[in-house]
Amino acid sequence: MAFAWKAAGLTYNRYLAVASRVVRRSLKEDKRIQAERRGEMELKFAKWENGKQGENKSVASANEAAMA
């Protein structure tokens, strides 16, 4: 049972995102707000196909869409 996240069908990055969200939500209100601010992402990515860059997407919105 070393890699339960693998058995559940999660990638390591998704596992870390879920675990960090759980930890942040378990904190007291003042510390939780500070931790949530640190966890905000402003990264963007684009998928490349046939040598052409696709649409830029926010990592945070892509993670939210994947979790839904």
PDB file of N, CA and C in Angstrom:
ATOM      1  N   MET A   1       0.837  -1.194   0.000  1.00  0.00           N
ATOM      2  CA  MET A   1       0.000   0.000   0.000  1.00  0.00           C
ATOM      3  C   MET A   1       0.876   1.250   0.000  1.00  0.00           C
ATOM      4  N   ALA A   2       2.043   1.149  -0.616  1.00  0.00           N
ATOM      5  CA  ALA A   2       2.977   2.277  -0.619  1.00  0.00           C
ATOM      6  C   ALA A   2       2.465   3.447  -1.450  1.00  0.00           C
ATOM      7  N   PHE A   3       1.801   3.164  -2.555  1.00  0.00           N
ATOM      8  CA  PHE A   3       1.325   4.227  -3.427  1.00  0.00           C
ATOM      9  C   PHE A   3      -0.182   4.121  -3.615  1.00  0.00           C
ATOM     10  N   ALA A   4      -0.922   4.507  -2.599  1.00  0.00           N
ATOM     11  CA  ALA A   4      -2.385   4.444  -2.674  1.00  0.00           C
ATOM     12  C   ALA A   4      -2.919   5.418  -3.713  1.00  0.00           C
ATOM     13  N   TRP A   5      -2.222   6.523  -3.918  1.00  0.00           N
ATOM     14  CA  TRP A   5      -2.670   7.500  -4.913  1.00  0.00           C
ATOM     15  C   TRP A   5      -2.605   6.919  -6.318  1.00  0.00           C
ATOM     16  N   LYS A   6      -1.636   6.029  -6.556  1.00  0.00           N
ATOM     17  CA  LYS A   6      -1.528   5.382  -7.858  1.00  0.00           C
ATOM     18  C   LYS A   6      -2.673   4.392  -8.063  1.00  0.00           C
ATOM     19  N   ALA A   7      -2.981   3.651  -7.005  1.00  0.00           N
ATOM     20  CA  ALA A   7      -4.068   2.676  -7.081  1.00  0.00           C
ATOM     21  C   ALA A   7      -5.411   3.365  -7.287  1.00  0.00           C
ATOM     22  N   ALA A   8      -5.525   4.610  -6.800  1.00  0.00           N
ATOM     23  CA  ALA A   8      -6.776   5.369  -6.951  1.00  0.00           C
ATOM     24  C   ALA A   8      -6.870   6.040  -8.318  1.00  0.00           C
ATOM     25  N   GLY A   9      -5.810   5.908  -9.129  1.00  0.00           N
ATOM     26  CA  GLY A   9      -5.842   6.486 -10.473  1.00  0.00           C
ATOM     27  C   GLY A   9      -5.440   7.946 -10.520  1.00  0.00           C
ATOM     28  N   LEU A  10      -4.705   8.432  -9.518  1.00  0.00           N
ATOM     29  CA  LEU A  10      -4.278   9.825  -9.484  1.00  0.00           C
ATOM     30  C   LEU A  10      -2.825   9.938  -9.922  1.00  0.00           C
ATOM     31  N   THR A  11      -2.486  11.086 -10.488  1.00  0.00           N
ATOM     32  CA  THR A  11      -1.078  11.378 -10.731  1.00  0.00           C
ATOM     33  C   THR A  11      -0.502  11.925  -9.435  1.00  0.00           C
ATOM     34  N   TYR A  12       0.812  11.964  -9.354  1.00  0.00           N
ATOM     35  CA  TYR A  12       1.450  12.472  -8.140  1.00  0.00           C
ATOM     36  C   TYR A  12       1.120  13.948  -7.929  1.00  0.00           C
ATOM     37  N   ASN A  13       1.089  14.731  -9.007  1.00  0.00           N
ATOM     38  CA  ASN A  13       0.746  16.148  -8.876  1.00  0.00           C
ATOM     39  C   ASN A  13      -0.680  16.337  -8.373  1.00  0.00           C
ATOM     40  N   ARG A  14      -1.609  15.534  -8.861  1.00  0.00           N
ATOM     41  CA  ARG A  14      -3.006  15.636  -8.418  1.00  0.00           C
ATOM     42  C   ARG A  14      -3.102  15.234  -6.946  1.00  0.00           C
ATOM     43  N   TYR A  15      -2.369  14.187  -6.563  1.00  0.00           N
ATOM     44  CA  TYR A  15      -2.328  13.749  -5.165  1.00  0.00           C
ATOM     45  C   TYR A  15      -1.833  14.877  -4.264  1.00  0.00           C
ATOM     46  N   LEU A  16      -0.754  15.545  -4.669  1.00  0.00           N
ATOM     47  CA  LEU A  16      -0.228  16.657  -3.879  1.00  0.00           C
ATOM     48  C   LEU A  16      -1.222  17.804  -3.787  1.00  0.00           C
ATOM     49  N   ALA A  17      -1.927  18.097  -4.863  1.00  0.00           N
ATOM     50  CA  ALA A  17      -2.924  19.174  -4.851  1.00  0.00           C
ATOM     51  C   ALA A  17      -4.051  18.857  -3.872  1.00  0.00           C
ATOM     52  N   VAL A  18      -4.517  17.628  -3.891  1.00  0.00           N
ATOM     53  CA  VAL A  18      -5.599  17.228  -2.980  1.00  0.00           C
ATOM     54  C   VAL A  18      -5.119  17.258  -1.532  1.00  0.00           C
ATOM     55  N   ALA A  19      -3.926  16.723  -1.288  1.00  0.00           N
ATOM     56  CA  ALA A  19      -3.388  16.692   0.070  1.00  0.00           C
ATOM     57  C   ALA A  19      -3.163  18.100   0.620  1.00  0.00           C
ATOM     58  N   SER A  20      -2.634  18.994  -0.201  1.00  0.00           N
ATOM     59  CA  SER A  20      -2.387  20.358   0.276  1.00  0.00           C
ATOM     60  C   SER A  20      -3.697  21.095   0.544  1.00  0.00           C
ATOM     61  N   ARG A  21      -4.719  20.833  -0.287  1.00  0.00           N
ATOM     62  CA  ARG A  21      -6.016  21.467  -0.053  1.00  0.00           C
ATOM     63  C   ARG A  21      -6.621  20.985   1.269  1.00  0.00           C
ATOM     64  N   VAL A  22      -6.486  19.698   1.568  1.00  0.00           N
ATOM     65  CA  VAL A  22      -7.001  19.138   2.816  1.00  0.00           C
ATOM     66  C   VAL A  22      -6.291  19.759   4.016  1.00  0.00           C
ATOM     67  N   VAL A  23      -4.979  19.896   3.914  1.00  0.00           N
ATOM     68  CA  VAL A  23      -4.218  20.488   5.015  1.00  0.00           C
ATOM     69  C   VAL A  23      -4.621  21.942   5.214  1.00  0.00           C
ATOM     70  N   ARG A  24      -4.734  22.701   4.128  1.00  0.00           N
ATOM     71  CA  ARG A  24      -5.134  24.116   4.253  1.00  0.00           C
ATOM     72  C   ARG A  24      -6.504  24.258   4.891  1.00  0.00           C
ATOM     73  N   ARG A  25      -7.440  23.400   4.510  1.00  0.00           N
ATOM     74  CA  ARG A  25      -8.800  23.498   5.053  1.00  0.00           C
ATOM     75  C   ARG A  25      -8.877  23.092   6.516  1.00  0.00           C
ATOM     76  N   SER A  26      -7.885  22.380   7.015  1.00  0.00           N
ATOM     77  CA  SER A  26      -7.909  21.943   8.413  1.00  0.00           C
ATOM     78  C   SER A  26      -7.321  22.980   9.366  1.00  0.00           C
ATOM     79  N   LEU A  27      -6.723  24.039   8.823  1.00  0.00           N
ATOM     80  CA  LEU A  27      -6.109  25.059   9.666  1.00  0.00           C
ATOM     81  C   LEU A  27      -7.159  25.985  10.273  1.00  0.00           C
ATOM     82  N   LYS A  28      -6.759  26.691  11.346  1.00  0.00           N
ATOM     83  CA  LYS A  28      -7.633  27.707  11.932  1.00  0.00           C
ATOM     84  C   LYS A  28      -7.799  28.841  10.928  1.00  0.00           C
ATOM     85  N   GLU A  29      -8.857  29.618  11.114  1.00  0.00           N
ATOM     86  CA  GLU A  29      -9.275  30.612  10.126  1.00  0.00           C
ATOM     87  C   GLU A  29      -8.146  31.551   9.688  1.00  0.00           C
ATOM     88  N   ASP A  30      -7.427  32.177  10.617  1.00  0.00           N
ATOM     89  CA  ASP A  30      -6.405  33.158  10.239  1.00  0.00           C
ATOM     90  C   ASP A  30      -5.250  32.504   9.476  1.00  0.00           C
ATOM     91  N   LYS A  31      -4.809  31.356   9.924  1.00  0.00           N
ATOM     92  CA  LYS A  31      -3.727  30.642   9.243  1.00  0.00           C
ATOM     93  C   LYS A  31      -4.194  30.062   7.914  1.00  0.00           C
ATOM     94  N   ARG A  32      -5.451  29.650   7.854  1.00  0.00           N
ATOM     95  CA  ARG A  32      -6.004  29.072   6.628  1.00  0.00           C
ATOM     96  C   ARG A  32      -6.022  30.107   5.502  1.00  0.00           C
ATOM     97  N   ILE A  33      -6.422  31.325   5.816  1.00  0.00           N
ATOM     98  CA  ILE A  33      -6.476  32.373   4.794  1.00  0.00           C
ATOM     99  C   ILE A  33      -5.080  32.653   4.242  1.00  0.00           C
ATOM    100  N   GLN A  34      -4.091  32.727   5.127  1.00  0.00           N
ATOM    101  CA  GLN A  34      -2.715  32.960   4.684  1.00  0.00           C
ATOM    102  C   GLN A  34      -2.225  31.810   3.815  1.00  0.00           C
ATOM    103  N   ALA A  35      -2.522  30.590   4.214  1.00  0.00           N
ATOM    104  CA  ALA A  35      -2.078  29.414   3.455  1.00  0.00           C
ATOM    105  C   ALA A  35      -2.768  29.342   2.096  1.00  0.00           C
ATOM    106  N   GLU A  36      -4.034  29.696   2.024  1.00  0.00           N
ATOM    107  CA  GLU A  36      -4.752  29.670   0.754  1.00  0.00           C
ATOM    108  C   GLU A  36      -4.181  30.696  -0.214  1.00  0.00           C
ATOM    109  N   ARG A  37      -3.772  31.838   0.287  1.00  0.00           N
ATOM    110  CA  ARG A  37      -3.146  32.846  -0.576  1.00  0.00           C
ATOM    111  C   ARG A  37      -1.840  32.329  -1.151  1.00  0.00           C
ATOM    112  N   ARG A  38      -1.064  31.614  -0.344  1.00  0.00           N
ATOM    113  CA  ARG A  38       0.192  31.058  -0.835  1.00  0.00           C
ATOM    114  C   ARG A  38      -0.064  29.968  -1.868  1.00  0.00           C
ATOM    115  N   GLY A  39      -1.195  29.308  -1.779  1.00  0.00           N
ATOM    116  CA  GLY A  39      -1.503  28.216  -2.693  1.00  0.00           C
ATOM    117  C   GLY A  39      -2.088  28.663  -4.016  1.00  0.00           C
ATOM    118  N   GLU A  40      -2.353  29.963  -4.181  1.00  0.00           N
ATOM    119  CA  GLU A  40      -2.915  30.453  -5.437  1.00  0.00           C
ATOM    120  C   GLU A  40      -1.873  30.342  -6.545  1.00  0.00           C
ATOM    121  N   MET A  41      -2.343  29.981  -7.728  1.00  0.00           N
ATOM    122  CA  MET A  41      -1.434  29.812  -8.857  1.00  0.00           C
ATOM    123  C   MET A  41      -1.802  30.801  -9.958  1.00  0.00           C
ATOM    124  N   GLU A  42      -0.801  31.324 -10.571  1.00  0.00           N
ATOM    125  CA  GLU A  42      -1.017  32.184 -11.725  1.00  0.00           C
ATOM    126  C   GLU A  42      -0.202  31.671 -12.905  1.00  0.00           C
ATOM    127  N   LEU A  43      -0.077  30.372 -12.979  1.00  0.00           N
ATOM    128  CA  LEU A  43       0.670  29.756 -14.071  1.00  0.00           C
ATOM    129  C   LEU A  43      -0.258  29.477 -15.244  1.00  0.00           C
ATOM    130  N   LYS A  44       0.289  29.537 -16.419  1.00  0.00           N
ATOM    131  CA  LYS A  44      -0.476  29.218 -17.620  1.00  0.00           C
ATOM    132  C   LYS A  44       0.296  28.177 -18.426  1.00  0.00           C
ATOM    133  N   PHE A  45      -0.438  27.428 -19.208  1.00  0.00           N
ATOM    134  CA  PHE A  45       0.178  26.439 -20.076  1.00  0.00           C
ATOM    135  C   PHE A  45      -0.551  26.416 -21.406  1.00  0.00           C
ATOM    136  N   ALA A  46       0.099  25.870 -22.398  1.00  0.00           N
ATOM    137  CA  ALA A  46      -0.511  25.724 -23.715  1.00  0.00           C
ATOM    138  C   ALA A  46      -0.115  24.362 -24.272  1.00  0.00           C
ATOM    139  N   LYS A  47      -1.046  23.735 -24.925  1.00  0.00           N
ATOM    140  CA  LYS A  47      -0.783  22.441 -25.559  1.00  0.00           C
ATOM    141  C   LYS A  47      -0.310  22.699 -26.993  1.00  0.00           C
ATOM    142  N   TRP A  48       0.769  22.050 -27.353  1.00  0.00           N
ATOM    143  CA  TRP A  48       1.329  22.198 -28.686  1.00  0.00           C
ATOM    144  C   TRP A  48       0.943  20.990 -29.532  1.00  0.00           C
ATOM    145  N   GLU A  49       0.465  21.252 -30.733  1.00  0.00           N
ATOM    146  CA  GLU A  49       0.121  20.181 -31.670  1.00  0.00           C
ATOM    147  C   GLU A  49       0.637  20.549 -33.055  1.00  0.00           C
ATOM    148  N   ASN A  50       1.345  19.629 -33.671  1.00  0.00           N
ATOM    149  CA  ASN A  50       1.883  19.815 -35.023  1.00  0.00           C
ATOM    150  C   ASN A  50       2.715  21.088 -35.139  1.00  0.00           C
ATOM    151  N   GLY A  51       3.490  21.410 -34.107  1.00  0.00           N
ATOM    152  CA  GLY A  51       4.356  22.575 -34.139  1.00  0.00           C
ATOM    153  C   GLY A  51       3.664  23.899 -33.913  1.00  0.00           C
ATOM    154  N   LYS A  52       2.389  23.888 -33.543  1.00  0.00           N
ATOM    155  CA  LYS A  52       1.644  25.130 -33.317  1.00  0.00           C
ATOM    156  C   LYS A  52       1.143  25.157 -31.877  1.00  0.00           C
ATOM    157  N   GLN A  53       1.280  26.335 -31.272  1.00  0.00           N
ATOM    158  CA  GLN A  53       0.840  26.502 -29.889  1.00  0.00           C
ATOM    159  C   GLN A  53      -0.669  26.670 -29.842  1.00  0.00           C
ATOM    160  N   GLY A  54      -1.292  25.942 -28.910  1.00  0.00           N
ATOM    161  CA  GLY A  54      -2.726  26.058 -28.716  1.00  0.00           C
ATOM    162  C   GLY A  54      -3.060  27.216 -27.798  1.00  0.00           C
ATOM    163  N   GLU A  55      -4.272  27.225 -27.316  1.00  0.00           N
ATOM    164  CA  GLU A  55      -4.764  28.296 -26.451  1.00  0.00           C
ATOM    165  C   GLU A  55      -4.081  28.243 -25.074  1.00  0.00           C
ATOM    166  N   ASN A  56      -3.715  29.425 -24.538  1.00  0.00           N
ATOM    167  CA  ASN A  56      -3.158  29.508 -23.189  1.00  0.00           C
ATOM    168  C   ASN A  56      -4.273  29.305 -22.177  1.00  0.00           C
ATOM    169  N   LYS A  57      -4.008  28.456 -21.188  1.00  0.00           N
ATOM    170  CA  LYS A  57      -4.994  28.171 -20.146  1.00  0.00           C
ATOM    171  C   LYS A  57      -4.342  28.329 -18.790  1.00  0.00           C
ATOM    172  N   SER A  58      -5.115  28.730 -17.813  1.00  0.00           N
ATOM    173  CA  SER A  58      -4.633  28.858 -16.445  1.00  0.00           C
ATOM    174  C   SER A  58      -4.549  27.477 -15.817  1.00  0.00           C
ATOM    175  N   VAL A  59      -3.467  27.212 -15.089  1.00  0.00           N
ATOM    176  CA  VAL A  59      -3.297  25.927 -14.416  1.00  0.00           C
ATOM    177  C   VAL A  59      -4.374  25.754 -13.349  1.00  0.00           C
ATOM    178  N   ALA A  60      -4.682  26.827 -12.616  1.00  0.00           N
ATOM    179  CA  ALA A  60      -5.688  26.750 -11.550  1.00  0.00           C
ATOM    180  C   ALA A  60      -7.062  26.389 -12.127  1.00  0.00           C
ATOM    181  N   SER A  61      -7.463  27.026 -13.214  1.00  0.00           N
ATOM    182  CA  SER A  61      -8.775  26.719 -13.787  1.00  0.00           C
ATOM    183  C   SER A  61      -8.803  25.315 -14.392  1.00  0.00           C
ATOM    184  N   ALA A  62      -7.677  24.866 -14.945  1.00  0.00           N
ATOM    185  CA  ALA A  62      -7.618  23.496 -15.477  1.00  0.00           C
ATOM    186  C   ALA A  62      -7.724  22.474 -14.351  1.00  0.00           C
ATOM    187  N   ASN A  63      -7.083  22.754 -13.203  1.00  0.00           N
ATOM    188  CA  ASN A  63      -7.183  21.850 -12.057  1.00  0.00           C
ATOM    189  C   ASN A  63      -8.607  21.797 -11.526  1.00  0.00           C
ATOM    190  N   GLU A  64      -9.264  22.957 -11.433  1.00  0.00           N
ATOM    191  CA  GLU A  64     -10.652  22.981 -10.965  1.00  0.00           C
ATOM    192  C   GLU A  64     -11.564  22.203 -11.902  1.00  0.00           C
ATOM    193  N   ALA A  65     -11.356  22.371 -13.186  1.00  0.00           N
ATOM    194  CA  ALA A  65     -12.187  21.658 -14.173  1.00  0.00           C
ATOM    195  C   ALA A  65     -11.954  20.152 -14.078  1.00  0.00           C
ATOM    196  N   ALA A  66     -10.722  19.755 -13.836  1.00  0.00           N
ATOM    197  CA  ALA A  66     -10.412  18.324 -13.732  1.00  0.00           C
ATOM    198  C   ALA A  66     -10.996  17.718 -12.465  1.00  0.00           C
ATOM    199  N   MET A  67     -11.076  18.488 -11.396  1.00  0.00           N
ATOM    200  CA  MET A  67     -11.599  17.991 -10.125  1.00  0.00           C
ATOM    201  C   MET A  67     -13.124  17.883 -10.137  1.00  0.00           C
ATOM    202  N   ALA A  68     -13.783  18.621 -11.024  1.00  0.00           N
ATOM    203  CA  ALA A  68     -15.259  18.615 -11.063  1.00  0.00           C
ATOM    204  C   ALA A  68     -15.821  17.378 -11.687  1.00  0.00           C
TER     205      ALA A  68
END
